[in-house]
Amino acid sequence: MNKATLYDSLHFVSTLTFRKLTNAVLLWCSYGVSRFSGRHFHAGQPLSLSIEPTTACNLGCPECPSGLRSFSRKTGSMSLELTQQIIHAQHRHLMYLGFYFQGEPFLNKHLLEMVRYAASLKIYTGTSTNGHFLSDEIAQETVNSGLSRLIISVDGPTETTYSAYRKGGSLSEVIAGTRRIMKWKKQFNSTTPYVVIQCVVFRHNE
């Protein structure tokens, strides 16, 4: 285990409470009883929750409904108020809160306010980005927000392989944004967010 992974694990442990651990045990027991008896049995509350800040995206990735603009629902964004209501209702049990699904989270101007609110309630938080909105100011705010984990999609080592899937994207912008995050982490001596570089493997980039 490297130092960054260790710090991430310690950060996760620091967000745990007796209530959260008890809830996790109830869920685990529910699963065991249901599997053993062959009948549905449920106790406990959700320990993980995913909130999609927006369904909008700046890229046109060919296997993503957001990139293809093929949603059957309208493109929209979660409001800060509704997000805070959801978090407040569930925070006593939540071990993990993800702020992403198919849209680009940083297109929601309230994303980092959502993260700060969740972090203030001791919830381990994560989001995933294509990395095109990590300006110096946003990178600084991201580090200061209390975000636990930041997944950055880098789907190729060259502009050619990267843009084969990330249509409309720029690898150099993503790398620059990633460096800004690391710069502010170092400047603030912060162990968060834990940065994960993610690659979707295709024949052209494997």
N, C-alpha and C. Protein backbone atom coordinates (compact mmCIF):
# COMPACT_ATOMS: atom_id res chain seq x y z
N MET A 1 0.84 -1.19 0.00
CA MET A 1 0.00 0.00 0.00
C MET A 1 0.88 1.25 0.00
N ASN A 2 0.68 2.14 -1.00
CA ASN A 2 1.48 3.35 -1.03
C ASN A 2 0.92 4.40 -0.07
N LYS A 3 1.65 5.50 0.08
CA LYS A 3 1.28 6.50 1.07
C LYS A 3 -0.08 7.13 0.77
N ALA A 4 -0.34 7.43 -0.51
CA ALA A 4 -1.61 8.06 -0.88
C ALA A 4 -2.80 7.16 -0.56
N THR A 5 -2.64 5.86 -0.85
CA THR A 5 -3.71 4.90 -0.55
C THR A 5 -3.93 4.76 0.95
N LEU A 6 -2.84 4.79 1.70
CA LEU A 6 -2.94 4.71 3.16
C LEU A 6 -3.70 5.92 3.71
N TYR A 7 -3.35 7.13 3.23
CA TYR A 7 -4.03 8.34 3.68
C TYR A 7 -5.52 8.29 3.32
N ASP A 8 -5.82 7.75 2.14
CA ASP A 8 -7.22 7.63 1.72
C ASP A 8 -7.97 6.69 2.65
N SER A 9 -7.36 5.58 3.00
CA SER A 9 -7.99 4.61 3.90
C SER A 9 -8.22 5.22 5.28
N LEU A 10 -7.23 5.96 5.77
CA LEU A 10 -7.36 6.60 7.08
C LEU A 10 -8.44 7.67 7.06
N HIS A 11 -8.53 8.38 5.94
CA HIS A 11 -9.58 9.39 5.81
C HIS A 11 -10.96 8.74 5.84
N PHE A 12 -11.11 7.62 5.14
CA PHE A 12 -12.39 6.92 5.15
C PHE A 12 -12.75 6.48 6.58
N VAL A 13 -11.78 5.90 7.28
CA VAL A 13 -12.02 5.44 8.65
C VAL A 13 -12.44 6.60 9.55
N SER A 14 -11.86 7.78 9.30
CA SER A 14 -12.16 8.95 10.13
C SER A 14 -13.60 9.42 9.98
N THR A 15 -14.28 9.01 8.90
CA THR A 15 -15.67 9.42 8.68
C THR A 15 -16.68 8.44 9.30
N LEU A 16 -16.19 7.32 9.81
CA LEU A 16 -17.08 6.30 10.36
C LEU A 16 -17.56 6.67 11.76
N THR A 17 -18.78 6.26 12.06
CA THR A 17 -19.35 6.45 13.39
C THR A 17 -19.95 5.12 13.84
N PHE A 18 -20.29 5.04 15.10
CA PHE A 18 -20.91 3.82 15.62
C PHE A 18 -22.22 3.54 14.90
N ARG A 19 -23.01 4.59 14.63
CA ARG A 19 -24.28 4.42 13.94
C ARG A 19 -24.07 3.85 12.54
N LYS A 20 -23.07 4.36 11.82
CA LYS A 20 -22.80 3.87 10.47
C LYS A 20 -22.35 2.42 10.48
N LEU A 21 -21.49 2.08 11.44
CA LEU A 21 -21.01 0.70 11.53
C LEU A 21 -22.15 -0.25 11.91
N THR A 22 -23.00 0.19 12.82
CA THR A 22 -24.15 -0.63 13.21
C THR A 22 -25.07 -0.86 12.02
N ASN A 23 -25.30 0.19 11.26
CA ASN A 23 -26.15 0.07 10.08
C ASN A 23 -25.55 -0.91 9.07
N ALA A 24 -24.24 -0.84 8.88
CA ALA A 24 -23.58 -1.75 7.95
C ALA A 24 -23.74 -3.21 8.40
N VAL A 25 -23.63 -3.45 9.69
CA VAL A 25 -23.81 -4.80 10.23
C VAL A 25 -25.25 -5.27 9.99
N LEU A 26 -26.22 -4.39 10.17
CA LEU A 26 -27.63 -4.74 9.93
C LEU A 26 -27.84 -5.14 8.47
N LEU A 27 -27.24 -4.40 7.56
CA LEU A 27 -27.38 -4.71 6.14
C LEU A 27 -26.72 -6.04 5.81
N TRP A 28 -25.55 -6.26 6.38
CA TRP A 28 -24.83 -7.52 6.14
C TRP A 28 -25.63 -8.70 6.68
N CYS A 29 -26.23 -8.53 7.87
CA CYS A 29 -27.05 -9.60 8.45
C CYS A 29 -28.30 -9.84 7.60
N SER A 30 -28.87 -8.75 7.08
CA SER A 30 -30.05 -8.87 6.21
C SER A 30 -29.74 -9.74 5.01
N TYR A 31 -28.59 -9.48 4.40
CA TYR A 31 -28.18 -10.26 3.24
C TYR A 31 -28.00 -11.73 3.61
N GLY A 32 -27.33 -11.97 4.75
CA GLY A 32 -27.08 -13.35 5.17
C GLY A 32 -28.37 -14.10 5.47
N VAL A 33 -29.29 -13.45 6.18
CA VAL A 33 -30.56 -14.10 6.52
C VAL A 33 -31.36 -14.37 5.25
N SER A 34 -31.40 -13.40 4.33
CA SER A 34 -32.16 -13.57 3.09
C SER A 34 -31.61 -14.71 2.25
N ARG A 35 -30.28 -14.77 2.17
CA ARG A 35 -29.66 -15.82 1.36
C ARG A 35 -29.87 -17.19 1.99
N PHE A 36 -29.74 -17.26 3.31
CA PHE A 36 -29.87 -18.55 3.99
C PHE A 36 -31.31 -19.05 3.98
N SER A 37 -32.26 -18.15 4.18
CA SER A 37 -33.66 -18.55 4.29
C SER A 37 -34.36 -18.62 2.94
N GLY A 38 -33.80 -17.96 1.94
CA GLY A 38 -34.46 -17.91 0.63
C GLY A 38 -35.63 -16.95 0.60
N ARG A 39 -35.78 -16.16 1.65
CA ARG A 39 -36.85 -15.17 1.73
C ARG A 39 -36.28 -13.78 1.96
N HIS A 40 -37.00 -12.81 1.45
CA HIS A 40 -36.53 -11.44 1.59
C HIS A 40 -36.60 -10.98 3.05
N PHE A 41 -35.48 -10.44 3.53
CA PHE A 41 -35.45 -9.84 4.86
C PHE A 41 -34.56 -8.61 4.78
N HIS A 42 -35.05 -7.51 5.29
CA HIS A 42 -34.28 -6.26 5.19
C HIS A 42 -34.29 -5.50 6.49
N ALA A 43 -33.11 -5.05 6.89
CA ALA A 43 -32.97 -4.16 8.04
C ALA A 43 -31.84 -3.18 7.73
N GLY A 44 -31.97 -1.95 8.22
CA GLY A 44 -30.93 -0.97 7.98
C GLY A 44 -31.30 0.03 6.89
N GLN A 45 -30.44 1.03 6.77
CA GLN A 45 -30.61 2.11 5.80
C GLN A 45 -29.49 2.06 4.76
N PRO A 46 -29.65 2.73 3.60
CA PRO A 46 -28.58 2.74 2.59
C PRO A 46 -27.27 3.25 3.17
N LEU A 47 -26.18 2.55 2.86
CA LEU A 47 -24.87 3.04 3.32
C LEU A 47 -24.12 3.77 2.21
N SER A 48 -24.66 3.70 0.99
CA SER A 48 -24.05 4.38 -0.15
C SER A 48 -25.14 5.05 -0.97
N LEU A 49 -24.83 6.23 -1.50
CA LEU A 49 -25.81 6.98 -2.27
C LEU A 49 -25.10 7.66 -3.44
N SER A 50 -25.78 7.69 -4.58
CA SER A 50 -25.23 8.38 -5.75
C SER A 50 -26.16 9.50 -6.17
N ILE A 51 -25.62 10.69 -6.29
CA ILE A 51 -26.37 11.86 -6.74
C ILE A 51 -25.73 12.34 -8.04
N GLU A 52 -26.53 12.48 -9.08
CA GLU A 52 -26.03 12.94 -10.37
C GLU A 52 -26.21 14.46 -10.45
N PRO A 53 -25.14 15.23 -10.33
CA PRO A 53 -25.27 16.69 -10.32
C PRO A 53 -25.89 17.25 -11.60
N THR A 54 -25.58 16.63 -12.74
CA THR A 54 -26.15 17.07 -14.01
C THR A 54 -26.08 15.94 -15.03
N THR A 55 -26.99 15.98 -16.00
CA THR A 55 -26.94 15.03 -17.10
C THR A 55 -26.24 15.64 -18.31
N ALA A 56 -25.82 16.89 -18.21
CA ALA A 56 -25.15 17.57 -19.32
C ALA A 56 -23.67 17.19 -19.38
N CYS A 57 -23.10 17.26 -20.57
CA CYS A 57 -21.67 17.00 -20.73
C CYS A 57 -21.13 17.82 -21.89
N ASN A 58 -19.87 18.18 -21.79
CA ASN A 58 -19.22 18.98 -22.83
C ASN A 58 -18.62 18.11 -23.93
N LEU A 59 -18.53 16.80 -23.71
CA LEU A 59 -17.94 15.91 -24.71
C LEU A 59 -19.01 15.09 -25.43
N GLY A 60 -18.59 14.35 -26.44
CA GLY A 60 -19.51 13.55 -27.24
C GLY A 60 -19.07 12.10 -27.33
N CYS A 61 -18.78 11.49 -26.20
CA CYS A 61 -18.32 10.10 -26.17
C CYS A 61 -19.39 9.17 -26.77
N PRO A 62 -19.01 8.31 -27.72
CA PRO A 62 -20.00 7.55 -28.50
C PRO A 62 -20.73 6.43 -27.78
N GLU A 63 -20.34 6.08 -26.56
CA GLU A 63 -21.05 5.02 -25.83
C GLU A 63 -21.75 5.55 -24.59
N CYS A 64 -21.91 6.86 -24.51
CA CYS A 64 -22.51 7.48 -23.34
C CYS A 64 -23.80 8.21 -23.74
N PRO A 65 -24.92 7.95 -23.07
CA PRO A 65 -26.16 8.65 -23.40
C PRO A 65 -26.04 10.16 -23.29
N SER A 66 -25.21 10.62 -22.34
CA SER A 66 -25.02 12.05 -22.19
C SER A 66 -24.25 12.62 -23.39
N GLY A 67 -23.18 11.91 -23.78
CA GLY A 67 -22.39 12.35 -24.92
C GLY A 67 -23.16 12.29 -26.22
N LEU A 68 -24.03 11.30 -26.35
CA LEU A 68 -24.84 11.13 -27.57
C LEU A 68 -26.09 11.99 -27.55
N ARG A 69 -26.36 12.67 -26.40
CA ARG A 69 -27.57 13.48 -26.24
C ARG A 69 -28.81 12.62 -26.51
N SER A 70 -28.80 11.39 -25.98
CA SER A 70 -29.85 10.44 -26.30
C SER A 70 -30.76 10.12 -25.11
N PHE A 71 -30.74 10.94 -24.06
CA PHE A 71 -31.61 10.70 -22.92
C PHE A 71 -33.08 10.84 -23.33
N SER A 72 -33.93 10.02 -22.73
CA SER A 72 -35.36 10.16 -22.94
C SER A 72 -35.93 11.25 -22.02
N ARG A 73 -35.12 11.69 -21.07
CA ARG A 73 -35.52 12.77 -20.16
C ARG A 73 -34.78 14.04 -20.53
N LYS A 74 -35.25 15.15 -20.03
CA LYS A 74 -34.62 16.43 -20.33
C LYS A 74 -33.26 16.54 -19.64
N THR A 75 -32.33 17.21 -20.29
CA THR A 75 -31.05 17.51 -19.66
C THR A 75 -31.28 18.53 -18.56
N GLY A 76 -30.73 18.27 -17.40
CA GLY A 76 -30.94 19.19 -16.28
C GLY A 76 -29.88 19.03 -15.21
N SER A 77 -30.01 19.81 -14.15
CA SER A 77 -29.05 19.78 -13.05
C SER A 77 -29.77 19.74 -11.72
N MET A 78 -29.16 19.09 -10.75
CA MET A 78 -29.70 19.06 -9.40
C MET A 78 -29.50 20.43 -8.75
N SER A 79 -30.50 20.86 -8.00
CA SER A 79 -30.37 22.12 -7.27
C SER A 79 -29.60 21.87 -5.97
N LEU A 80 -28.95 22.90 -5.48
CA LEU A 80 -28.22 22.79 -4.22
C LEU A 80 -29.18 22.46 -3.08
N GLU A 81 -30.33 23.11 -3.09
CA GLU A 81 -31.30 22.93 -2.00
C GLU A 81 -31.79 21.49 -1.92
N LEU A 82 -32.18 20.90 -3.07
CA LEU A 82 -32.68 19.53 -3.07
C LEU A 82 -31.57 18.56 -2.66
N THR A 83 -30.38 18.79 -3.16
CA THR A 83 -29.25 17.92 -2.80
C THR A 83 -28.99 17.95 -1.30
N GLN A 84 -29.00 19.13 -0.71
CA GLN A 84 -28.77 19.25 0.73
C GLN A 84 -29.88 18.55 1.53
N GLN A 85 -31.12 18.63 1.04
CA GLN A 85 -32.22 17.95 1.71
C GLN A 85 -32.01 16.44 1.72
N ILE A 86 -31.59 15.90 0.58
CA ILE A 86 -31.36 14.46 0.47
C ILE A 86 -30.22 14.03 1.39
N ILE A 87 -29.14 14.80 1.36
CA ILE A 87 -27.98 14.47 2.20
C ILE A 87 -28.35 14.54 3.68
N HIS A 88 -29.07 15.58 4.06
CA HIS A 88 -29.45 15.75 5.47
C HIS A 88 -30.31 14.58 5.95
N ALA A 89 -31.18 14.10 5.06
CA ALA A 89 -32.08 13.01 5.44
C ALA A 89 -31.35 11.69 5.63
N GLN A 90 -30.21 11.51 4.98
CA GLN A 90 -29.53 10.21 4.99
C GLN A 90 -28.15 10.20 5.65
N HIS A 91 -27.63 11.35 6.03
CA HIS A 91 -26.21 11.44 6.37
C HIS A 91 -25.79 10.59 7.57
N ARG A 92 -26.71 10.31 8.48
CA ARG A 92 -26.32 9.56 9.69
C ARG A 92 -25.91 8.12 9.38
N HIS A 93 -26.35 7.60 8.22
CA HIS A 93 -26.04 6.21 7.87
C HIS A 93 -25.04 6.08 6.74
N LEU A 94 -24.82 7.17 5.98
CA LEU A 94 -24.03 7.06 4.76
C LEU A 94 -22.53 6.91 5.01
N MET A 95 -21.94 5.91 4.38
CA MET A 95 -20.48 5.74 4.40
C MET A 95 -19.86 6.34 3.14
N TYR A 96 -20.65 6.42 2.06
CA TYR A 96 -20.10 6.93 0.80
C TYR A 96 -21.18 7.69 0.04
N LEU A 97 -20.80 8.82 -0.53
CA LEU A 97 -21.70 9.61 -1.35
C LEU A 97 -20.98 9.98 -2.64
N GLY A 98 -21.50 9.47 -3.77
CA GLY A 98 -20.90 9.75 -5.06
C GLY A 98 -21.65 10.86 -5.78
N PHE A 99 -20.91 11.82 -6.31
CA PHE A 99 -21.51 12.93 -7.05
C PHE A 99 -21.23 12.77 -8.55
N TYR A 100 -21.70 11.70 -9.14
CA TYR A 100 -21.53 11.52 -10.58
C TYR A 100 -22.33 10.32 -11.06
N PHE A 101 -22.60 10.33 -12.36
CA PHE A 101 -23.14 9.15 -13.04
C PHE A 101 -22.80 9.27 -14.52
N GLN A 102 -23.64 9.97 -15.31
CA GLN A 102 -23.37 10.04 -16.73
C GLN A 102 -23.02 11.44 -17.23
N GLY A 103 -23.36 12.47 -16.51
CA GLY A 103 -23.01 13.83 -16.92
C GLY A 103 -21.64 14.23 -16.40
N GLU A 104 -21.21 15.44 -16.75
CA GLU A 104 -19.95 15.99 -16.24
C GLU A 104 -20.27 16.83 -15.00
N PRO A 105 -19.93 16.34 -13.80
CA PRO A 105 -20.33 16.99 -12.55
C PRO A 105 -19.94 18.46 -12.44
N PHE A 106 -18.78 18.83 -12.98
CA PHE A 106 -18.30 20.20 -12.82
C PHE A 106 -19.09 21.21 -13.65
N LEU A 107 -20.03 20.73 -14.48
CA LEU A 107 -20.91 21.65 -15.19
C LEU A 107 -22.00 22.19 -14.26
N ASN A 108 -22.20 21.55 -13.13
CA ASN A 108 -23.12 22.08 -12.12
C ASN A 108 -22.33 23.05 -11.25
N LYS A 109 -22.71 24.32 -11.29
CA LYS A 109 -21.94 25.35 -10.59
C LYS A 109 -21.99 25.19 -9.07
N HIS A 110 -22.90 24.35 -8.58
CA HIS A 110 -23.02 24.16 -7.14
C HIS A 110 -22.33 22.88 -6.66
N LEU A 111 -21.63 22.19 -7.56
CA LEU A 111 -21.03 20.90 -7.19
C LEU A 111 -20.20 20.98 -5.92
N LEU A 112 -19.28 21.92 -5.85
CA LEU A 112 -18.36 21.96 -4.72
C LEU A 112 -19.07 22.41 -3.44
N GLU A 113 -20.16 23.17 -3.56
CA GLU A 113 -20.97 23.49 -2.39
C GLU A 113 -21.64 22.24 -1.86
N MET A 114 -22.10 21.38 -2.77
CA MET A 114 -22.70 20.10 -2.38
C MET A 114 -21.67 19.26 -1.63
N VAL A 115 -20.46 19.21 -2.18
CA VAL A 115 -19.39 18.43 -1.57
C VAL A 115 -19.06 18.97 -0.18
N ARG A 116 -18.94 20.29 -0.07
CA ARG A 116 -18.61 20.89 1.23
C ARG A 116 -19.67 20.56 2.28
N TYR A 117 -20.92 20.57 1.86
CA TYR A 117 -22.01 20.26 2.81
C TYR A 117 -21.89 18.81 3.28
N ALA A 118 -21.67 17.90 2.35
CA ALA A 118 -21.53 16.49 2.71
C ALA A 118 -20.30 16.27 3.60
N ALA A 119 -19.20 16.93 3.25
CA ALA A 119 -17.96 16.78 4.03
C ALA A 119 -18.15 17.31 5.45
N SER A 120 -18.96 18.36 5.60
CA SER A 120 -19.20 18.92 6.93
C SER A 120 -19.97 17.95 7.82
N LEU A 121 -20.64 16.97 7.18
CA LEU A 121 -21.39 15.96 7.92
C LEU A 121 -20.62 14.64 8.01
N LYS A 122 -19.34 14.71 7.73
CA LYS A 122 -18.43 13.56 7.84
C LYS A 122 -18.83 12.39 6.95
N ILE A 123 -19.07 12.70 5.67
CA ILE A 123 -19.37 11.67 4.69
C ILE A 123 -18.20 11.59 3.71
N TYR A 124 -17.76 10.38 3.43
CA TYR A 124 -16.72 10.16 2.42
C TYR A 124 -17.35 10.41 1.05
N THR A 125 -16.77 11.34 0.28
CA THR A 125 -17.37 11.76 -0.98
C THR A 125 -16.44 11.48 -2.16
N GLY A 126 -17.05 11.29 -3.33
CA GLY A 126 -16.26 11.08 -4.53
C GLY A 126 -16.96 11.65 -5.75
N THR A 127 -16.20 12.04 -6.75
CA THR A 127 -16.78 12.44 -8.02
C THR A 127 -15.84 12.03 -9.14
N SER A 128 -16.38 11.98 -10.36
CA SER A 128 -15.61 11.57 -11.52
C SER A 128 -15.75 12.64 -12.59
N THR A 129 -14.66 13.01 -13.22
CA THR A 129 -14.67 14.11 -14.18
C THR A 129 -13.87 13.78 -15.43
N ASN A 130 -14.22 14.43 -16.53
CA ASN A 130 -13.38 14.29 -17.73
C ASN A 130 -12.21 15.26 -17.69
N GLY A 131 -12.15 16.09 -16.66
CA GLY A 131 -10.96 16.89 -16.41
C GLY A 131 -10.81 18.18 -17.18
N HIS A 132 -11.86 18.65 -17.85
CA HIS A 132 -11.75 19.84 -18.69
C HIS A 132 -12.13 21.14 -17.98
N PHE A 133 -12.54 21.04 -16.71
CA PHE A 133 -12.97 22.23 -16.00
C PHE A 133 -12.13 22.51 -14.76
N LEU A 134 -10.94 21.93 -14.71
CA LEU A 134 -10.07 22.09 -13.55
C LEU A 134 -9.13 23.26 -13.74
N SER A 135 -9.71 24.45 -13.83
CA SER A 135 -8.91 25.67 -13.89
C SER A 135 -8.17 25.81 -12.57
N ASP A 136 -7.28 26.77 -12.50
CA ASP A 136 -6.52 26.95 -11.27
C ASP A 136 -7.45 27.27 -10.10
N GLU A 137 -8.45 28.11 -10.34
CA GLU A 137 -9.39 28.48 -9.28
C GLU A 137 -10.23 27.29 -8.85
N ILE A 138 -10.75 26.54 -9.83
CA ILE A 138 -11.59 25.38 -9.50
C ILE A 138 -10.77 24.29 -8.83
N ALA A 139 -9.53 24.11 -9.27
CA ALA A 139 -8.66 23.11 -8.64
C ALA A 139 -8.43 23.46 -7.18
N GLN A 140 -8.19 24.73 -6.90
CA GLN A 140 -7.99 25.17 -5.52
C GLN A 140 -9.25 24.94 -4.69
N GLU A 141 -10.40 25.30 -5.24
CA GLU A 141 -11.66 25.11 -4.53
C GLU A 141 -11.96 23.63 -4.30
N THR A 142 -11.58 22.80 -5.28
CA THR A 142 -11.81 21.35 -5.15
C THR A 142 -11.03 20.78 -3.99
N VAL A 143 -9.77 21.15 -3.88
CA VAL A 143 -8.94 20.68 -2.78
C VAL A 143 -9.49 21.18 -1.44
N ASN A 144 -9.97 22.41 -1.42
CA ASN A 144 -10.48 23.00 -0.18
C ASN A 144 -11.89 22.54 0.18
N SER A 145 -12.56 21.88 -0.76
CA SER A 145 -13.96 21.51 -0.53
C SER A 145 -14.14 20.36 0.45
N GLY A 146 -13.08 19.57 0.62
CA GLY A 146 -13.19 18.38 1.46
C GLY A 146 -13.53 17.13 0.67
N LEU A 147 -13.51 17.24 -0.67
CA LEU A 147 -13.76 16.07 -1.52
C LEU A 147 -12.77 14.96 -1.17
N SER A 148 -13.29 13.75 -0.99
CA SER A 148 -12.43 12.63 -0.58
C SER A 148 -11.70 12.00 -1.75
N ARG A 149 -12.40 11.81 -2.88
CA ARG A 149 -11.82 11.08 -4.01
C ARG A 149 -12.20 11.76 -5.32
N LEU A 150 -11.22 11.94 -6.19
CA LEU A 150 -11.45 12.55 -7.50
C LEU A 150 -10.95 11.59 -8.57
N ILE A 151 -11.89 11.08 -9.39
CA ILE A 151 -11.55 10.19 -10.50
C ILE A 151 -11.45 11.04 -11.76
N ILE A 152 -10.32 10.95 -12.46
CA ILE A 152 -10.12 11.71 -13.68
C ILE A 152 -9.95 10.73 -14.84
N SER A 153 -10.77 10.90 -15.86
CA SER A 153 -10.74 9.98 -17.00
C SER A 153 -9.66 10.38 -17.99
N VAL A 154 -8.73 9.48 -18.21
CA VAL A 154 -7.65 9.68 -19.18
C VAL A 154 -7.61 8.44 -20.06
N ASP A 155 -8.31 8.50 -21.18
CA ASP A 155 -8.52 7.29 -21.98
C ASP A 155 -7.58 7.15 -23.17
N GLY A 156 -6.33 7.51 -22.96
CA GLY A 156 -5.33 7.34 -24.00
C GLY A 156 -4.09 8.15 -23.68
N PRO A 157 -2.90 7.65 -24.04
CA PRO A 157 -1.65 8.33 -23.72
C PRO A 157 -1.25 9.41 -24.73
N THR A 158 -1.96 9.50 -25.84
CA THR A 158 -1.68 10.53 -26.85
C THR A 158 -2.98 11.21 -27.24
N GLU A 159 -2.87 12.39 -27.85
CA GLU A 159 -4.08 13.09 -28.28
C GLU A 159 -4.90 12.24 -29.24
N THR A 160 -4.23 11.47 -30.09
CA THR A 160 -4.94 10.66 -31.08
C THR A 160 -5.75 9.55 -30.43
N THR A 161 -5.12 8.79 -29.55
CA THR A 161 -5.84 7.69 -28.90
C THR A 161 -6.88 8.23 -27.93
N TYR A 162 -6.57 9.34 -27.26
CA TYR A 162 -7.51 9.93 -26.31
C TYR A 162 -8.78 10.41 -27.01
N SER A 163 -8.62 11.15 -28.08
CA SER A 163 -9.77 11.75 -28.76
C SER A 163 -10.57 10.75 -29.59
N ALA A 164 -10.06 9.54 -29.75
CA ALA A 164 -10.82 8.52 -30.47
C ALA A 164 -12.12 8.19 -29.74
N TYR A 165 -12.10 8.29 -28.41
CA TYR A 165 -13.31 8.06 -27.63
C TYR A 165 -13.83 9.35 -27.01
N ARG A 166 -12.94 10.15 -26.44
CA ARG A 166 -13.35 11.40 -25.80
C ARG A 166 -13.51 12.48 -26.87
N LYS A 167 -14.61 12.38 -27.61
CA LYS A 167 -14.85 13.27 -28.73
C LYS A 167 -15.02 14.71 -28.25
N GLY A 168 -14.20 15.60 -28.83
CA GLY A 168 -14.24 17.00 -28.44
C GLY A 168 -13.35 17.32 -27.27
N GLY A 169 -12.62 16.33 -26.76
CA GLY A 169 -11.77 16.54 -25.60
C GLY A 169 -10.33 16.84 -25.96
N SER A 170 -9.58 17.26 -24.97
CA SER A 170 -8.17 17.59 -25.15
C SER A 170 -7.36 16.95 -24.03
N LEU A 171 -6.48 16.03 -24.37
CA LEU A 171 -5.65 15.36 -23.38
C LEU A 171 -4.76 16.35 -22.64
N SER A 172 -4.23 17.33 -23.36
CA SER A 172 -3.34 18.31 -22.72
C SER A 172 -4.09 19.12 -21.66
N GLU A 173 -5.36 19.42 -21.90
CA GLU A 173 -6.16 20.13 -20.89
C GLU A 173 -6.37 19.27 -19.65
N VAL A 174 -6.62 17.99 -19.87
CA VAL A 174 -6.85 17.07 -18.74
C VAL A 174 -5.58 16.95 -17.90
N ILE A 175 -4.45 16.80 -18.56
CA ILE A 175 -3.17 16.69 -17.84
C ILE A 175 -2.89 17.97 -17.07
N ALA A 176 -3.14 19.12 -17.69
CA ALA A 176 -2.92 20.40 -17.02
C ALA A 176 -3.81 20.54 -15.80
N GLY A 177 -5.08 20.14 -15.93
CA GLY A 177 -6.00 20.21 -14.80
C GLY A 177 -5.59 19.30 -13.66
N THR A 178 -5.12 18.11 -14.02
CA THR A 178 -4.65 17.16 -13.01
C THR A 178 -3.45 17.72 -12.26
N ARG A 179 -2.55 18.35 -12.99
CA ARG A 179 -1.37 18.95 -12.35
C ARG A 179 -1.76 20.08 -11.40
N ARG A 180 -2.82 20.82 -11.76
CA ARG A 180 -3.28 21.90 -10.87
C ARG A 180 -3.82 21.33 -9.56
N ILE A 181 -4.57 20.24 -9.67
CA ILE A 181 -5.06 19.59 -8.44
C ILE A 181 -3.90 19.18 -7.56
N MET A 182 -2.90 18.54 -8.14
CA MET A 182 -1.75 18.08 -7.36
C MET A 182 -0.95 19.25 -6.80
N LYS A 183 -0.89 20.34 -7.55
CA LYS A 183 -0.18 21.54 -7.07
C LYS A 183 -0.84 22.08 -5.80
N TRP A 184 -2.17 22.20 -5.83
CA TRP A 184 -2.86 22.75 -4.66
C TRP A 184 -2.88 21.78 -3.49
N LYS A 185 -2.90 20.49 -3.76
CA LYS A 185 -2.78 19.52 -2.68
C LYS A 185 -1.45 19.71 -1.96
N LYS A 186 -0.41 19.87 -2.75
CA LYS A 186 0.93 20.05 -2.17
C LYS A 186 1.01 21.38 -1.42
N GLN A 187 0.45 22.43 -2.02
CA GLN A 187 0.54 23.76 -1.40
C GLN A 187 -0.20 23.81 -0.07
N PHE A 188 -1.34 23.13 0.01
CA PHE A 188 -2.13 23.10 1.24
C PHE A 188 -1.76 21.93 2.14
N ASN A 189 -0.78 21.12 1.72
CA ASN A 189 -0.38 19.93 2.47
C ASN A 189 -1.60 19.08 2.78
N SER A 190 -2.42 18.86 1.75
CA SER A 190 -3.67 18.14 1.90
C SER A 190 -3.55 16.71 1.37
N THR A 191 -4.12 15.78 2.08
CA THR A 191 -4.13 14.38 1.62
C THR A 191 -5.36 14.09 0.76
N THR A 192 -6.27 15.04 0.66
CA THR A 192 -7.47 14.87 -0.16
C THR A 192 -7.54 15.97 -1.22
N PRO A 193 -8.18 15.70 -2.35
CA PRO A 193 -8.80 14.42 -2.69
C PRO A 193 -7.78 13.38 -3.14
N TYR A 194 -8.12 12.11 -2.91
CA TYR A 194 -7.33 11.01 -3.43
C TYR A 194 -7.60 10.94 -4.93
N VAL A 195 -6.56 11.14 -5.73
CA VAL A 195 -6.73 11.24 -7.18
C VAL A 195 -6.53 9.88 -7.84
N VAL A 196 -7.53 9.47 -8.61
CA VAL A 196 -7.50 8.20 -9.33
C VAL A 196 -7.55 8.48 -10.83
N ILE A 197 -6.57 7.99 -11.57
CA ILE A 197 -6.57 8.12 -13.03
C ILE A 197 -7.26 6.90 -13.60
N GLN A 198 -8.34 7.12 -14.33
CA GLN A 198 -9.15 6.02 -14.85
C GLN A 198 -9.07 5.96 -16.37
N CYS A 199 -8.97 4.75 -16.89
CA CYS A 199 -8.90 4.56 -18.35
C CYS A 199 -9.91 3.49 -18.77
N VAL A 200 -10.78 3.85 -19.70
CA VAL A 200 -11.66 2.87 -20.32
C VAL A 200 -10.89 2.22 -21.46
N VAL A 201 -10.71 0.90 -21.38
CA VAL A 201 -9.83 0.20 -22.33
C VAL A 201 -10.61 -0.17 -23.60
N PHE A 202 -10.06 0.25 -24.73
CA PHE A 202 -10.56 -0.13 -26.05
C PHE A 202 -9.40 -0.72 -26.85
N ARG A 203 -9.73 -1.27 -28.00
CA ARG A 203 -8.68 -1.85 -28.85
C ARG A 203 -7.63 -0.78 -29.25
N HIS A 204 -8.10 0.45 -29.46
CA HIS A 204 -7.17 1.49 -29.96
C HIS A 204 -6.23 2.03 -28.88
N ASN A 205 -6.54 1.76 -27.59
CA ASN A 205 -5.66 2.32 -26.55
C ASN A 205 -5.06 1.28 -25.60
N GLU A 206 -5.42 -0.01 -25.79
CA GLU A 206 -4.97 -1.01 -24.82
C GLU A 206 -3.46 -1.25 -24.88
